[in-house]
Amino acid sequence: MGWKSHGFRHRSGRKLRKRVRERGIRIRRFLQTFEIGQRVHIDIEPASQKGMPHPRFQGRTGIVRGQRGKAYLVEIRDGGKIKTLIVRPEHLKPQII
């Protein structure tokens, strides 16, 4: 008998839940583009699992460092470390200054 597999989205239902007025996929989030060096917020779109960062990074802010196919390389600071995430554009929002 083995251990129960908890999976990638285990215990993340409350964190990834959409509010009533936010439901439905907005196509503009899939088509948005970002420049290298631009600051972005990680806002996970639960309807799209491709290119989804781990739920622990929900709400973090990072800097776009490059592009890999349709996805972007986003550099964030996690404690004392700098981590690079590969995230598709539907899970990102531009930071408004």
N, C-alpha and C. Protein backbone atom coordinates (compact mmCIF):
# COMPACT_ATOMS: atom_id res chain seq x y z
N MET A 1 0.85 -1.17 0.00
CA MET A 1 0.00 0.00 0.00
C MET A 1 0.90 1.24 0.00
N GLY A 2 0.61 2.17 -0.93
CA GLY A 2 1.44 3.36 -1.05
C GLY A 2 0.78 4.58 -0.43
N TRP A 3 1.49 5.67 -0.54
CA TRP A 3 0.96 6.92 -0.02
C TRP A 3 -0.06 7.51 -1.00
N LYS A 4 -0.99 8.28 -0.48
CA LYS A 4 -1.98 8.93 -1.31
C LYS A 4 -1.29 10.04 -2.10
N SER A 5 -1.56 10.10 -3.41
CA SER A 5 -0.99 11.15 -4.24
C SER A 5 -1.80 12.43 -4.02
N HIS A 6 -1.14 13.47 -3.64
CA HIS A 6 -1.85 14.71 -3.37
C HIS A 6 -1.97 15.59 -4.59
N GLY A 7 -1.07 15.49 -5.53
CA GLY A 7 -1.19 16.21 -6.79
C GLY A 7 -0.79 17.68 -6.70
N PHE A 8 -0.77 18.30 -7.86
CA PHE A 8 -0.29 19.67 -8.01
C PHE A 8 -1.22 20.69 -7.36
N ARG A 9 -2.53 20.46 -7.45
CA ARG A 9 -3.50 21.45 -6.95
C ARG A 9 -4.13 21.03 -5.62
N HIS A 10 -3.47 20.15 -4.89
CA HIS A 10 -4.00 19.68 -3.62
C HIS A 10 -4.12 20.83 -2.62
N ARG A 11 -5.25 20.98 -1.99
CA ARG A 11 -5.55 22.00 -1.00
C ARG A 11 -5.46 23.43 -1.54
N SER A 12 -5.71 23.61 -2.83
CA SER A 12 -5.62 24.95 -3.40
C SER A 12 -6.97 25.46 -3.90
N GLY A 13 -8.05 24.74 -3.60
CA GLY A 13 -9.37 25.11 -4.11
C GLY A 13 -9.83 26.48 -3.67
N ARG A 14 -9.60 26.81 -2.41
CA ARG A 14 -10.02 28.12 -1.92
C ARG A 14 -9.16 29.23 -2.51
N LYS A 15 -7.88 28.96 -2.66
CA LYS A 15 -6.96 29.96 -3.20
C LYS A 15 -7.24 30.25 -4.68
N LEU A 16 -7.62 29.22 -5.45
CA LEU A 16 -7.83 29.38 -6.88
C LEU A 16 -9.28 29.59 -7.27
N ARG A 17 -10.17 29.69 -6.30
CA ARG A 17 -11.58 29.86 -6.60
C ARG A 17 -11.85 31.24 -7.20
N LYS A 18 -12.74 31.29 -8.19
CA LYS A 18 -13.13 32.55 -8.81
C LYS A 18 -14.36 33.10 -8.11
N ARG A 19 -14.43 34.40 -8.00
CA ARG A 19 -15.63 35.04 -7.48
C ARG A 19 -16.70 35.03 -8.57
N VAL A 20 -17.95 35.27 -8.23
CA VAL A 20 -19.06 35.15 -9.17
C VAL A 20 -18.87 36.07 -10.38
N ARG A 21 -18.45 37.30 -10.18
CA ARG A 21 -18.32 38.25 -11.28
C ARG A 21 -17.04 38.05 -12.10
N GLU A 22 -16.16 37.19 -11.65
CA GLU A 22 -14.92 36.94 -12.38
C GLU A 22 -15.00 35.67 -13.22
N ARG A 23 -16.11 34.95 -13.16
CA ARG A 23 -16.20 33.66 -13.84
C ARG A 23 -16.27 33.84 -15.35
N GLY A 24 -15.74 32.88 -16.06
CA GLY A 24 -15.69 32.92 -17.52
C GLY A 24 -14.29 33.35 -17.97
N ILE A 25 -13.83 32.76 -19.04
CA ILE A 25 -12.49 33.06 -19.54
C ILE A 25 -12.56 34.30 -20.42
N ARG A 26 -11.69 35.25 -20.15
CA ARG A 26 -11.60 36.44 -20.98
C ARG A 26 -10.45 36.25 -21.95
N ILE A 27 -10.74 36.32 -23.24
CA ILE A 27 -9.75 36.01 -24.27
C ILE A 27 -8.58 36.98 -24.25
N ARG A 28 -8.79 38.21 -23.81
CA ARG A 28 -7.69 39.20 -23.82
C ARG A 28 -6.55 38.79 -22.89
N ARG A 29 -6.85 38.01 -21.86
CA ARG A 29 -5.78 37.56 -20.95
C ARG A 29 -4.86 36.57 -21.64
N PHE A 30 -5.38 35.79 -22.60
CA PHE A 30 -4.57 34.82 -23.33
C PHE A 30 -3.72 35.51 -24.40
N LEU A 31 -4.17 36.65 -24.89
CA LEU A 31 -3.51 37.33 -26.00
C LEU A 31 -2.58 38.46 -25.56
N GLN A 32 -2.54 38.77 -24.27
CA GLN A 32 -1.72 39.89 -23.83
C GLN A 32 -0.23 39.58 -23.98
N THR A 33 0.56 40.64 -24.17
CA THR A 33 2.00 40.49 -24.32
C THR A 33 2.70 41.36 -23.28
N PHE A 34 3.93 40.98 -22.96
CA PHE A 34 4.73 41.70 -21.97
C PHE A 34 6.12 41.95 -22.52
N GLU A 35 6.71 43.03 -22.08
CA GLU A 35 8.08 43.38 -22.48
C GLU A 35 9.06 42.80 -21.46
N ILE A 36 10.28 42.55 -21.89
CA ILE A 36 11.32 42.09 -20.96
C ILE A 36 11.65 43.24 -20.02
N GLY A 37 11.69 42.95 -18.73
CA GLY A 37 11.94 43.96 -17.71
C GLY A 37 10.67 44.52 -17.09
N GLN A 38 9.51 44.18 -17.64
CA GLN A 38 8.23 44.67 -17.10
C GLN A 38 7.87 43.91 -15.83
N ARG A 39 7.28 44.63 -14.87
CA ARG A 39 6.84 44.00 -13.63
C ARG A 39 5.43 43.46 -13.81
N VAL A 40 5.19 42.24 -13.33
CA VAL A 40 3.89 41.58 -13.49
C VAL A 40 3.47 40.93 -12.18
N HIS A 41 2.15 40.81 -12.00
CA HIS A 41 1.58 40.10 -10.87
C HIS A 41 1.19 38.71 -11.34
N ILE A 42 1.39 37.71 -10.49
CA ILE A 42 0.94 36.36 -10.81
C ILE A 42 -0.47 36.20 -10.25
N ASP A 43 -1.42 36.04 -11.17
CA ASP A 43 -2.83 35.88 -10.82
C ASP A 43 -3.32 34.66 -11.59
N ILE A 44 -3.36 33.51 -10.94
CA ILE A 44 -3.62 32.24 -11.60
C ILE A 44 -5.05 32.18 -12.12
N GLU A 45 -5.18 31.77 -13.38
CA GLU A 45 -6.47 31.53 -14.03
C GLU A 45 -6.77 30.04 -13.88
N PRO A 46 -7.69 29.64 -12.99
CA PRO A 46 -7.89 28.22 -12.71
C PRO A 46 -8.49 27.43 -13.87
N ALA A 47 -9.10 28.10 -14.85
CA ALA A 47 -9.70 27.39 -15.97
C ALA A 47 -8.65 26.89 -16.96
N SER A 48 -7.44 27.41 -16.89
CA SER A 48 -6.38 27.01 -17.80
C SER A 48 -5.24 26.40 -16.99
N GLN A 49 -4.98 25.10 -17.22
CA GLN A 49 -3.93 24.43 -16.44
C GLN A 49 -2.57 24.50 -17.11
N LYS A 50 -2.53 24.82 -18.40
CA LYS A 50 -1.24 24.90 -19.09
C LYS A 50 -0.47 26.11 -18.60
N GLY A 51 0.78 25.94 -18.33
CA GLY A 51 1.64 27.05 -17.95
C GLY A 51 1.27 27.68 -16.62
N MET A 52 0.59 26.92 -15.77
CA MET A 52 0.16 27.44 -14.47
C MET A 52 1.30 27.31 -13.46
N PRO A 53 1.66 28.40 -12.78
CA PRO A 53 2.68 28.29 -11.74
C PRO A 53 2.09 27.58 -10.51
N HIS A 54 2.92 27.15 -9.62
CA HIS A 54 2.45 26.49 -8.41
C HIS A 54 1.60 27.48 -7.60
N PRO A 55 0.52 27.01 -6.98
CA PRO A 55 -0.35 27.91 -6.21
C PRO A 55 0.34 28.68 -5.09
N ARG A 56 1.52 28.24 -4.65
CA ARG A 56 2.22 28.99 -3.61
C ARG A 56 2.69 30.35 -4.12
N PHE A 57 2.75 30.54 -5.45
CA PHE A 57 3.20 31.81 -6.02
C PHE A 57 2.05 32.74 -6.36
N GLN A 58 0.80 32.36 -6.05
CA GLN A 58 -0.37 33.20 -6.31
C GLN A 58 -0.22 34.52 -5.57
N GLY A 59 -0.38 35.63 -6.30
CA GLY A 59 -0.32 36.96 -5.68
C GLY A 59 1.06 37.56 -5.64
N ARG A 60 2.10 36.84 -6.05
CA ARG A 60 3.45 37.38 -6.04
C ARG A 60 3.67 38.32 -7.21
N THR A 61 4.65 39.18 -7.09
CA THR A 61 5.03 40.10 -8.16
C THR A 61 6.45 39.78 -8.60
N GLY A 62 6.66 39.80 -9.91
CA GLY A 62 7.98 39.49 -10.43
C GLY A 62 8.31 40.33 -11.64
N ILE A 63 9.45 40.03 -12.25
CA ILE A 63 9.94 40.76 -13.41
C ILE A 63 10.08 39.77 -14.56
N VAL A 64 9.59 40.17 -15.75
CA VAL A 64 9.72 39.33 -16.94
C VAL A 64 11.17 39.38 -17.39
N ARG A 65 11.80 38.19 -17.47
CA ARG A 65 13.21 38.12 -17.85
C ARG A 65 13.43 37.53 -19.24
N GLY A 66 12.38 36.97 -19.84
CA GLY A 66 12.53 36.40 -21.17
C GLY A 66 11.26 35.70 -21.60
N GLN A 67 11.34 35.06 -22.76
CA GLN A 67 10.19 34.36 -23.29
C GLN A 67 10.62 32.98 -23.73
N ARG A 68 9.75 32.00 -23.53
CA ARG A 68 10.03 30.63 -23.94
C ARG A 68 8.77 30.11 -24.61
N GLY A 69 8.73 30.17 -25.93
CA GLY A 69 7.53 29.81 -26.66
C GLY A 69 6.46 30.86 -26.38
N LYS A 70 5.27 30.40 -25.97
CA LYS A 70 4.20 31.33 -25.62
C LYS A 70 4.34 31.83 -24.18
N ALA A 71 5.14 31.15 -23.39
CA ALA A 71 5.27 31.46 -21.96
C ALA A 71 6.36 32.49 -21.72
N TYR A 72 6.33 33.06 -20.52
CA TYR A 72 7.31 34.06 -20.10
C TYR A 72 8.11 33.52 -18.92
N LEU A 73 9.36 33.92 -18.86
CA LEU A 73 10.20 33.60 -17.71
C LEU A 73 10.05 34.75 -16.72
N VAL A 74 9.49 34.47 -15.57
CA VAL A 74 9.23 35.49 -14.55
C VAL A 74 10.13 35.21 -13.36
N GLU A 75 10.90 36.20 -12.98
CA GLU A 75 11.83 36.08 -11.86
C GLU A 75 11.18 36.67 -10.61
N ILE A 76 11.09 35.86 -9.56
CA ILE A 76 10.52 36.35 -8.30
C ILE A 76 11.51 36.09 -7.18
N ARG A 77 11.29 36.77 -6.09
CA ARG A 77 12.12 36.59 -4.91
C ARG A 77 11.30 35.78 -3.90
N ASP A 78 11.84 34.64 -3.47
CA ASP A 78 11.16 33.76 -2.54
C ASP A 78 12.06 33.59 -1.33
N GLY A 79 11.79 34.37 -0.29
CA GLY A 79 12.67 34.37 0.86
C GLY A 79 13.97 35.05 0.47
N GLY A 80 15.09 34.36 0.60
CA GLY A 80 16.37 34.92 0.21
C GLY A 80 16.82 34.47 -1.17
N LYS A 81 15.99 33.69 -1.86
CA LYS A 81 16.38 33.13 -3.16
C LYS A 81 15.65 33.83 -4.29
N ILE A 82 16.27 33.82 -5.45
CA ILE A 82 15.62 34.31 -6.67
C ILE A 82 15.24 33.08 -7.47
N LYS A 83 13.95 32.99 -7.83
CA LYS A 83 13.45 31.83 -8.57
C LYS A 83 12.91 32.31 -9.91
N THR A 84 13.03 31.45 -10.92
CA THR A 84 12.51 31.75 -12.24
C THR A 84 11.36 30.79 -12.53
N LEU A 85 10.20 31.37 -12.84
CA LEU A 85 9.00 30.59 -13.14
C LEU A 85 8.72 30.68 -14.63
N ILE A 86 8.19 29.62 -15.20
CA ILE A 86 7.76 29.62 -16.59
C ILE A 86 6.24 29.70 -16.56
N VAL A 87 5.69 30.85 -16.98
CA VAL A 87 4.27 31.13 -16.80
C VAL A 87 3.67 31.62 -18.12
N ARG A 88 2.51 31.09 -18.47
CA ARG A 88 1.81 31.58 -19.66
C ARG A 88 1.08 32.87 -19.35
N PRO A 89 0.78 33.68 -20.37
CA PRO A 89 0.26 35.03 -20.15
C PRO A 89 -1.10 35.10 -19.46
N GLU A 90 -1.93 34.06 -19.55
CA GLU A 90 -3.24 34.12 -18.90
C GLU A 90 -3.14 34.12 -17.38
N HIS A 91 -1.97 33.75 -16.86
CA HIS A 91 -1.76 33.74 -15.40
C HIS A 91 -1.02 34.97 -14.91
N LEU A 92 -0.87 35.97 -15.77
CA LEU A 92 -0.13 37.19 -15.42
C LEU A 92 -1.00 38.43 -15.61
N LYS A 93 -0.70 39.46 -14.84
CA LYS A 93 -1.34 40.77 -15.00
C LYS A 93 -0.25 41.82 -14.95
N PRO A 94 -0.33 42.84 -15.79
CA PRO A 94 0.69 43.90 -15.71
C PRO A 94 0.54 44.71 -14.42
N GLN A 95 1.64 45.11 -13.85
CA GLN A 95 1.58 45.93 -12.63
C GLN A 95 1.28 47.37 -13.03
N ILE A 96 0.27 47.93 -12.41
CA ILE A 96 -0.11 49.31 -12.68
C ILE A 96 0.53 50.19 -11.62
N ILE A 97 1.29 51.16 -12.08
CA ILE A 97 2.02 52.02 -11.15
C ILE A 97 1.18 53.23 -10.80
